[in-house]
Amino acid sequence: MVLETVAQQHGLPLQLTQRVLTHRLTLFAPRDENESVTNALKRKYDDLEDPSTASPAISRPTVPRTNMCEDCQEIDFDKILSGEEVNVGIRFRTLPRNRCPLCFMLFKSWSSLDRQHSQRNGQRSSSDVLIGHPLLGGGRCISKIGMEMEYWYRVPGSPRVLAVHGRGKDDPEAAHESSSDELGHLIIMDANEPPSPLVPRPIPTRFDPEPVAAWIGYCDTYHSGICGHVGEPLKLLQLVDCQSLLVVEAPRNAKYIALSYVWKASGSTCETTIDTQNYNMKPLPSPLPLVVRDAIHVTNALGYRYLWIDKFCIDQNNAARKHVQIRHMDAVYEMADITIIAAAGNDEDFGLPGASIQPRVSQPVAHCNNISVISSMRDPHKSIRDSRWNSRGWTFQEAVLSRRRLVFTNEQVYFECNAMSHCESFESSDKLHIDTEGTTKGSTRPGIFRTLNPSKLPLKLSFNKYLANIEQYTSRQLSYEEDSLNAFRGIMQRFSETKPPIHQIFGIPIPLTDNPSEMNDSFVYALGWCHKHSCWDAAKSPSRRVMFPSWSWAGWGGEVSFLKRHEIQREGRFIPEVTVLSPPLESVCAELSNALDLFSGSVSTEPEELVLEGFTINPQVFTSCTSLELFLSAGASNEADFKSRLRHDQTIRCLSLGRFQRHQLIIMVLEKAPNRNDEAYSRIGMFQVRTLFFSSSNFGDLGQNLSRPKKGVYKIV
């Protein structure tokens, strides 16, 4: 039924559609934004039929000497390659004492699978079997053509994953479950068989620029509309000349690489030697951090001359110049041909594994006659997610704003542009690259980085994407609290350049539209951000950043979310109950459109005071409610303590921000601001409660009087 629907929708023959879906071509990207999905599918189908159009040929693995133990050499690999099980007892359940690489790999595979089965049902079979599951064996995708589907299939010629698990455990996901965190998939190959479209390969001990250059070249050729240069060359751009080791003014139309890394802890960073008489020709300091030395080596190896490094290419001693450069961080990373990401180690002293002195984690490979079993190594997505680089605030926008990324993990390099991804552990052709909009299991799948193209989205979707970026960014840490907005400024700048633009006041987005009511409603909804962890959660308690107002997420440390964010695109889902009196949103947006940004250095001319007109509800009403969904940033040691404050503390106000479909009320909790002579309040949290809570059956006549809203004007700082 699915095949007929897809075929009819896109005017494709049924046989072609089946072939396309079988090879996951629903996920493949068009070559540029002008190519339709249908034409992209047909082109990919033609590539499959015509080998002359495919990527460079994939070579068969050579037949090396045997390095397996005698027991492993007796395994019937032909039976496994044909899809049959081979009984191995329980020999791979204990750490091997020999040096057999296959014993070691299968022990790791069994340990990973056993943990998952134990978490599910606690059962363990009496003996184990070895089986080869097709690597391209199934998944779930949300396709470019708008259909969500679950499917399992067998791809002819797909390499097989060698898995050890209990009898009777055979299921389509076993190949993916058997992937260990440390070694990834164990791929079994027969040197006598024809090569697969996706072939695992040995990872060199040192960085090899050749495949990376090929990936970049392919992207240049076929992704010009998706990954090509946009915008005008930057002014005042400084670059490191990797030949002279001088920081120079960027030559016109210079191609360069950018570096994203984690700075060393405060007080021990390498300082830049600046020749104030000749700022455009300053030498790099000596000694350089290892990551910088390695990045210079990689830049030269890839055939580039110029490298952008924030520590040396942003004038750290000139506040005005530094502010201008930080404002244009979006353009710096977008204009870079590729961004090197140092996702290994803790800071700049660790370097790029394989580039120089920092070694890579060795890759186990087992051989027996014409059979090879090779580890695909740790999933680079997991390595990136678990890295310290991925936990830092500044690096978020550096990855999102880049068009291409070259990530150095402890095991290998991983490449991702806006249309495809590759890694060293697999040699694959164009047929298997994937568009970032799909989601699926397996080794060929969407990229890990979310590309930022708000200009191509409708306003509501673009606004929602802005909020999603805030959520992801606030889950990271900053060394300096005052960087709360600066480290997000490139993303804010990108959204301010869309049509219509989305501006911001202290990070709270305002979509500029012809409808003042729509601007007010969107801004009010964005004010409803809430911390994922309340203030009594000792491990992840939010912290106040006093240099920013309390009503902005930037004024707090801690991960935030927006209530029912995925539902607000529907008309009438959120009904605001407050009006923004100050700052006047229309005039602020007009100023921002002219100046692009009012924030300057560490002092902001943006209005820190927010004045809202709306209704407050007597806090005592909520003390008897057992269904409060509370998100408190400060002001209580636990939920009981907070309800006690609601009952007795006269400085607390409960301001109704709005409702979701009239069923849930969103309350902003305000507290009288300290050290102020005027009637000003600080925001200390949010909660939501069902509106049925206010029925007369809960309170009677007294409750109706208590819960009756009171209109007023509230200044929040």
Foldseek 3Di string as FASTA:
>chain_A
DVLVVVCVVLVHDSVLSVVLVLLPVLFFDALAPPDDSSVSSVVLSVCVVDVVPWDPDDAFDDADAFQADPVVLPWPVVCQVVFHKAWDFCQLCDQDPDPGLVSNLQVLLAVQLVVVVCVVPNDAARTKIKHWAFQSFWKWKCGPVGDTDGDGDDDPQGWTFIHMGHPPPDDSCRQQSSQGQFQGTWTKDFSVDDHGQKAFDFFDFADDLVVVLVVLVVSVVRRCNQQNADDADDPLWWWQFLVVQWTAGDDHPAAEEEEQWAADDPPPGDAADADVVCRRTGHGDPPDAQQVVLVSLSCVNSPHGIYHYCRNGQPPVDQQSNQVVLLQLLNVQSRHSEYEYEQEDQGSNQHFANSPDHTADHWRWGHDGRMIITGLGRQVLVSNCPGLSLQALLSLSSQQSHQKYWYGGRHWIKIDGQGFIDTNRMDHMSSQGGHQNMAIDGDRGHDPHDHDDLQPDPPLVSLLVLQVSLLSSLSHDYPDLLCLCSSCSSVQLNQCPHVQHWHDFLSQTFGDDPDLVNRFLSSLQSLLKFAPDDQLPVVFAKAAQVLAFQSHPSRIRGRIHGPPSVPVVDPPQKFFFKGWPPPRVNVVSVVCNVVVAQQGRSDGPRDRKTKMKGWWAQLLLCLPDPPKPWGFRDDANDPNRVSVCSNPPPQWIWTFGTHGNLFKTKTFIWGQDPPDPDRATGTGTIIMDTPCSQDCVNPPPVSVVRGPIDIDMHMGD
